[in-house]
Amino acid sequence: MSENVTHTAVLDDCFRLMLASDEVCEAFKEVGRTQRGFARLGGVTRSGDRFTVQLLTDFRARWKTRRPEDRLEPKLGFALGWLCHRAADRQMKPVFREAEPGRTESPSECSVYHDAFLFREVYAGGKEGPYQSGMFEEGPAGAEDLFRTLLQRALVGLHTFIPDREDVEGWLGRLFALQQGFEVDLKRYAAAISRPDPEKVRRFITAVNFYDATEPIIAAARGIQRGEPVTAGQVREAARAEALSHYAQALRMGYGYLCAASDFFAGDMSPEALRERLDVGRPGRDGKGV
């Protein structure tokens, strides 16, 4: 859940821009229309810089001769979501480190407030999918315990575990430690949404210039979302306009990554050139890994 809303919002807005653009190939647009669920899954998945170029190279070679059983469309959707995830991480991770240096709590309070803000701003408090209005309500503890148990069972069911029969207790301990890494306290999100602390809003949203609805690329994304006529030319201009807020910079980066990947997919760009345009292997804005 950590940064889930922020990553998904960046992806959804980048896809809105992509679908209105004339700078992205039709294959990407078709995937953007039909494979949004797989793209959103990629949008919340880590380590995309290790695999996206390799995957796009493989998909490009096979695309024209693909067969239905290859299922390249959902795989491509996942890879495009990965690109948007990387854009969000490269922009936002330094913000979290700067806003709360030396923090030990995970997720950071800064990221919780970013998610809460975008849940209201982009998803209208759950009126816009994929989220629902009751997801972050402060509900009964019993229901939370039930959901937590079901989630734990689902996660265990997704894995094939090979037990260490010589050290069963140690193996169970390591298993529980691994599972605990997936827990996020939803009460913190509920509080940030329903009872936001004014000082934290000032510190994590206003002071860091997280979101400015007047910036061209954000305004274009919100206009498309509302069904307003936003032309390809307006998208081009918005993507090239100065972006000052962190969210606008993340959208500009993510849209740029999609355009770079499209140029590669529809042309003869080398994988090395694509890595360069996707910033693969480069540290973040603060010189640290992302």
Protein backbone atom coordinates (compact mmCIF):
# COMPACT_ATOMS: atom_id res chain seq x y z
CA MET A 1 0.00 0.00 0.00
CA SER A 2 2.92 2.35 0.63
CA GLU A 3 2.78 5.04 -2.11
CA ASN A 4 0.19 2.91 -3.89
CA VAL A 5 -2.15 5.81 -4.63
CA THR A 6 0.67 8.08 -5.77
CA HIS A 7 2.12 5.46 -8.13
CA THR A 8 -1.31 4.62 -9.53
CA ALA A 9 -2.24 8.29 -10.01
CA VAL A 10 0.99 8.97 -11.91
CA LEU A 11 0.31 5.96 -14.13
CA ASP A 12 -3.34 6.87 -14.78
CA ASP A 13 -2.48 10.48 -15.62
CA CYS A 14 0.44 9.47 -17.85
CA PHE A 15 -1.87 7.08 -19.70
CA ARG A 16 -4.46 9.85 -20.09
CA LEU A 17 -1.82 12.01 -21.72
CA MET A 18 -0.55 9.10 -23.83
CA LEU A 19 -4.01 8.30 -25.20
CA ALA A 20 -4.54 11.92 -26.23
CA SER A 21 -1.06 12.25 -27.71
CA ASP A 22 0.22 11.96 -31.28
CA GLU A 23 3.75 11.15 -30.03
CA VAL A 24 3.02 7.58 -28.96
CA CYS A 25 2.59 4.55 -31.23
CA GLU A 26 -0.81 2.91 -31.72
CA ALA A 27 0.32 -0.34 -30.10
CA PHE A 28 0.91 1.48 -26.81
CA LYS A 29 -2.42 3.29 -27.07
CA GLU A 30 -4.30 0.05 -27.67
CA VAL A 31 -2.64 -1.51 -24.64
CA GLY A 32 -3.43 1.64 -22.64
CA ARG A 33 -7.10 1.24 -23.49
CA THR A 34 -7.43 -2.51 -22.96
CA GLN A 35 -4.81 -3.50 -20.37
CA ARG A 36 -5.13 -0.86 -17.66
CA GLY A 37 -5.35 -3.45 -14.88
CA PHE A 38 -2.04 -5.04 -15.83
CA ALA A 39 -0.49 -1.59 -16.28
CA ARG A 40 -1.61 -0.60 -12.78
CA LEU A 41 -0.04 -3.77 -11.43
CA GLY A 42 3.23 -2.80 -13.09
CA GLY A 43 2.77 0.71 -11.75
CA VAL A 44 3.11 -0.52 -8.17
CA THR A 45 5.92 -3.03 -8.82
CA ARG A 46 9.56 -2.34 -7.98
CA SER A 47 12.82 -2.99 -9.87
CA GLY A 48 11.51 -2.11 -13.32
CA ASP A 49 14.84 -0.67 -14.44
CA ARG A 50 16.32 -4.19 -14.34
CA PHE A 51 13.94 -5.65 -16.90
CA THR A 52 12.00 -3.08 -18.95
CA VAL A 53 14.55 -2.62 -21.74
CA GLN A 54 15.03 -6.36 -22.10
CA LEU A 55 11.27 -6.93 -22.17
CA LEU A 56 10.58 -4.13 -24.67
CA THR A 57 13.34 -5.48 -26.92
CA ASP A 58 11.73 -8.92 -26.86
CA PHE A 59 8.20 -7.58 -27.39
CA ARG A 60 9.30 -5.40 -30.31
CA ALA A 61 10.86 -8.38 -32.08
CA ARG A 62 7.74 -10.53 -31.62
CA TRP A 63 4.94 -7.96 -31.89
CA LYS A 64 4.03 -8.28 -35.58
CA THR A 65 3.99 -12.09 -35.46
CA ARG A 66 2.42 -12.45 -32.00
CA ARG A 67 -0.24 -15.07 -31.37
CA PRO A 68 -3.13 -14.80 -28.88
CA GLU A 69 -1.51 -17.43 -26.63
CA ASP A 70 1.62 -15.24 -26.36
CA ARG A 71 -0.41 -12.71 -24.35
CA LEU A 72 1.97 -9.94 -25.26
CA GLU A 73 -0.65 -7.22 -24.78
CA PRO A 74 -1.00 -7.61 -20.98
CA LYS A 75 2.77 -8.13 -20.68
CA LEU A 76 3.40 -4.89 -22.58
CA GLY A 77 0.84 -3.14 -20.39
CA PHE A 78 2.72 -4.30 -17.29
CA ALA A 79 6.02 -3.04 -18.73
CA LEU A 80 4.53 0.38 -19.51
CA GLY A 81 3.23 0.54 -15.95
CA TRP A 82 6.75 -0.19 -14.77
CA LEU A 83 8.01 2.87 -16.65
CA CYS A 84 5.52 5.10 -14.85
CA HIS A 85 6.48 3.54 -11.51
CA ARG A 86 10.11 4.45 -12.10
CA ALA A 87 9.18 8.04 -12.94
CA ALA A 88 7.21 8.35 -9.70
CA ASP A 89 10.06 6.83 -7.68
CA ARG A 90 12.77 8.98 -9.23
CA GLN A 91 10.80 12.12 -8.43
CA MET A 92 9.27 11.25 -5.07
CA LYS A 93 11.84 9.17 -3.19
CA PRO A 94 14.19 12.14 -2.69
CA VAL A 95 11.22 14.17 -1.43
CA PHE A 96 10.51 11.58 1.28
CA ARG A 97 14.17 11.52 2.32
CA GLU A 98 14.39 15.32 2.43
CA ALA A 99 11.07 15.82 4.24
CA GLU A 100 11.80 13.27 6.98
CA PRO A 101 15.54 12.70 7.31
CA GLY A 102 16.45 9.85 9.61
CA ARG A 103 12.91 8.44 9.77
CA THR A 104 12.48 4.82 10.81
CA GLU A 105 8.71 4.41 10.38
CA SER A 106 7.56 2.83 7.11
CA PRO A 107 5.79 4.13 5.16
CA SER A 108 6.89 7.68 5.83
CA GLU A 109 4.28 10.16 6.99
CA CYS A 110 5.15 12.25 3.93
CA SER A 111 4.18 9.42 1.57
CA VAL A 112 0.96 8.80 3.53
CA TYR A 113 -0.06 12.44 3.09
CA HIS A 114 0.81 12.36 -0.62
CA ASP A 115 -1.42 9.32 -1.06
CA ALA A 116 -4.21 10.94 0.96
CA PHE A 117 -4.02 14.13 -1.10
CA LEU A 118 -4.15 12.29 -4.44
CA PHE A 119 -6.95 10.02 -3.21
CA ARG A 120 -9.03 13.18 -2.83
CA GLU A 121 -7.68 15.16 -5.80
CA VAL A 122 -7.36 12.52 -8.54
CA TYR A 123 -9.81 9.87 -7.37
CA ALA A 124 -12.43 12.17 -5.80
CA GLY A 125 -12.26 10.35 -2.49
CA GLY A 126 -13.01 6.99 -4.08
CA LYS A 127 -15.65 8.06 -6.61
CA GLU A 128 -13.12 7.38 -9.38
CA GLY A 129 -11.69 3.87 -9.82
CA PRO A 130 -9.74 1.79 -8.98
CA TYR A 131 -10.32 2.91 -5.38
CA GLN A 132 -13.57 2.92 -3.42
CA SER A 133 -14.77 5.48 -0.93
CA GLY A 134 -14.79 3.00 1.98
CA MET A 135 -11.22 1.80 1.52
CA PHE A 136 -9.71 4.27 3.96
CA GLU A 137 -12.60 4.78 6.35
CA GLU A 138 -11.92 4.21 10.02
CA GLY A 139 -13.91 0.98 10.27
CA PRO A 140 -14.36 -1.72 12.91
CA ALA A 141 -11.18 -3.37 14.13
CA GLY A 142 -12.74 -6.81 13.68
CA ALA A 143 -13.22 -6.28 9.96
CA GLU A 144 -9.62 -5.13 9.65
CA ASP A 145 -8.38 -8.25 11.44
CA LEU A 146 -10.42 -10.47 9.12
CA PHE A 147 -9.12 -8.70 6.03
CA ARG A 148 -5.56 -8.91 7.33
CA THR A 149 -5.91 -12.67 7.83
CA LEU A 150 -7.36 -13.15 4.36
CA LEU A 151 -4.54 -11.08 2.86
CA GLN A 152 -1.93 -13.12 4.69
CA ARG A 153 -3.43 -16.34 3.40
CA ALA A 154 -3.59 -14.96 -0.14
CA LEU A 155 0.06 -13.91 -0.04
CA VAL A 156 1.13 -17.30 1.27
CA GLY A 157 -0.93 -18.95 -1.46
CA LEU A 158 0.95 -17.00 -4.13
CA HIS A 159 4.29 -18.50 -3.13
CA THR A 160 5.86 -21.91 -3.25
CA PHE A 161 7.75 -22.32 0.00
CA ILE A 162 10.41 -24.96 0.45
CA PRO A 163 10.71 -25.48 4.21
CA ASP A 164 14.02 -25.93 5.94
CA ARG A 165 13.27 -29.28 7.57
CA GLU A 166 16.41 -29.14 9.71
CA ASP A 167 15.50 -25.75 11.17
CA VAL A 168 11.72 -25.53 11.08
CA GLU A 169 11.47 -22.88 13.82
CA GLY A 170 14.01 -20.67 12.10
CA TRP A 171 12.27 -21.12 8.76
CA LEU A 172 8.92 -20.10 10.26
CA GLY A 173 10.53 -17.06 11.84
CA ARG A 174 11.96 -15.94 8.54
CA LEU A 175 8.62 -16.55 6.83
CA PHE A 176 6.76 -14.37 9.34
CA ALA A 177 9.41 -11.65 9.02
CA LEU A 178 8.93 -11.69 5.25
CA GLN A 179 5.15 -11.47 5.60
CA GLN A 180 5.34 -8.61 8.07
CA GLY A 181 6.99 -6.46 5.43
CA PHE A 182 3.67 -6.34 3.57
CA GLU A 183 1.69 -4.81 6.44
CA VAL A 184 0.65 -1.17 6.29
CA ASP A 185 -1.47 0.47 8.98
CA LEU A 186 -4.57 1.72 7.15
CA LYS A 187 -5.54 3.81 10.18
CA ARG A 188 -2.78 6.24 9.28
CA TYR A 189 -4.25 6.68 5.80
CA ALA A 190 -7.78 7.02 7.17
CA ALA A 191 -6.65 9.73 9.56
CA ALA A 192 -4.74 11.62 6.85
CA ILE A 193 -7.84 11.56 4.63
CA SER A 194 -10.64 12.22 7.13
CA ARG A 195 -8.77 14.21 9.80
CA PRO A 196 -5.65 15.70 8.15
CA ASP A 197 -3.22 17.42 10.49
CA PRO A 198 -2.88 21.04 9.22
CA GLU A 199 0.81 21.14 10.13
CA LYS A 200 1.52 17.94 8.22
CA VAL A 201 -0.44 19.24 5.22
CA ARG A 202 1.68 22.38 5.29
CA ARG A 203 4.91 20.44 5.75
CA PHE A 204 4.36 17.60 3.27
CA ILE A 205 2.07 19.14 0.64
CA THR A 206 2.38 22.93 0.57
CA ALA A 207 5.96 23.53 1.70
CA VAL A 208 7.47 20.95 -0.66
CA ASN A 209 5.27 22.10 -3.59
CA PHE A 210 3.84 18.64 -4.13
CA TYR A 211 0.93 19.50 -6.43
CA ASP A 212 -0.12 22.60 -8.37
CA ALA A 213 -3.36 22.19 -10.31
CA THR A 214 -2.56 25.22 -12.49
CA GLU A 215 0.52 23.68 -14.07
CA PRO A 216 -0.10 22.78 -17.74
CA ILE A 217 0.61 19.04 -17.56
CA ILE A 218 -1.59 18.54 -14.48
CA ALA A 219 -4.33 20.72 -15.96
CA ALA A 220 -4.22 18.68 -19.17
CA ALA A 221 -4.55 15.40 -17.27
CA ARG A 222 -7.46 16.68 -15.16
CA GLY A 223 -9.15 18.09 -18.28
CA ILE A 224 -8.93 14.72 -20.05
CA GLN A 225 -10.28 13.04 -16.92
CA ARG A 226 -13.29 15.39 -16.93
CA GLY A 227 -13.97 14.61 -20.60
CA GLU A 228 -12.89 18.01 -21.89
CA PRO A 229 -11.49 18.27 -25.43
CA VAL A 230 -7.69 18.24 -24.99
CA THR A 231 -5.84 18.07 -28.30
CA ALA A 232 -2.61 16.28 -29.10
CA GLY A 233 -1.00 19.68 -29.61
CA GLN A 234 -2.05 20.78 -26.13
CA VAL A 235 -0.57 17.59 -24.67
CA ARG A 236 2.71 18.29 -26.49
CA GLU A 237 2.83 21.84 -25.19
CA ALA A 238 1.94 20.76 -21.65
CA ALA A 239 4.67 18.08 -21.63
CA ARG A 240 7.26 20.67 -22.68
CA ALA A 241 6.11 23.44 -20.33
CA GLU A 242 8.06 24.13 -17.16
CA ALA A 243 7.04 21.81 -14.34
CA LEU A 244 7.74 23.00 -10.80
CA SER A 245 5.62 20.86 -8.49
CA HIS A 246 6.82 17.34 -7.80
CA TYR A 247 3.69 15.74 -9.18
CA ALA A 248 3.96 17.72 -12.43
CA GLN A 249 7.62 16.69 -12.76
CA ALA A 250 6.67 13.03 -12.20
CA LEU A 251 4.03 13.25 -14.95
CA ARG A 252 6.44 14.94 -17.31
CA MET A 253 9.06 12.26 -16.66
CA GLY A 254 6.60 9.38 -16.97
CA TYR A 255 5.12 10.70 -20.19
CA GLY A 256 8.65 11.21 -21.51
CA TYR A 257 9.51 7.60 -20.68
CA LEU A 258 6.43 6.39 -22.56
CA CYS A 259 7.40 8.50 -25.58
CA ALA A 260 10.96 7.16 -25.49
CA ALA A 261 9.72 3.58 -25.26
CA SER A 262 7.31 4.24 -28.14
CA ASP A 263 10.13 5.60 -30.32
CA PHE A 264 12.06 2.43 -29.55
CA PHE A 265 9.12 0.11 -30.11
CA ALA A 266 8.06 1.61 -33.43
CA GLY A 267 11.54 2.29 -34.80
CA ASP A 268 15.09 1.00 -34.85
CA MET A 269 16.50 2.63 -31.73
CA SER A 270 19.15 0.51 -29.99
CA PRO A 271 18.56 -0.90 -26.50
CA GLU A 272 21.54 1.14 -25.30
CA ALA A 273 19.92 4.36 -26.53
CA LEU A 274 16.67 3.42 -24.82
CA ARG A 275 18.49 2.82 -21.52
CA GLU A 276 19.93 6.31 -21.81
CA ARG A 277 16.52 7.90 -22.40
CA LEU A 278 14.99 5.92 -19.53
CA ASP A 279 17.76 6.93 -17.08
CA VAL A 280 18.51 3.26 -16.39
CA GLY A 281 21.39 2.96 -13.93
CA ARG A 282 21.41 6.64 -13.03
CA PRO A 283 21.07 7.70 -9.39
CA GLY A 284 18.16 9.88 -8.32
CA ARG A 285 18.10 13.65 -8.03
CA ASP A 286 19.79 13.46 -4.64
CA GLY A 287 22.56 11.20 -5.91
CA LYS A 288 21.10 8.11 -4.24
CA GLY A 289 19.54 4.98 -5.69
CA VAL A 290 15.79 4.93 -6.30
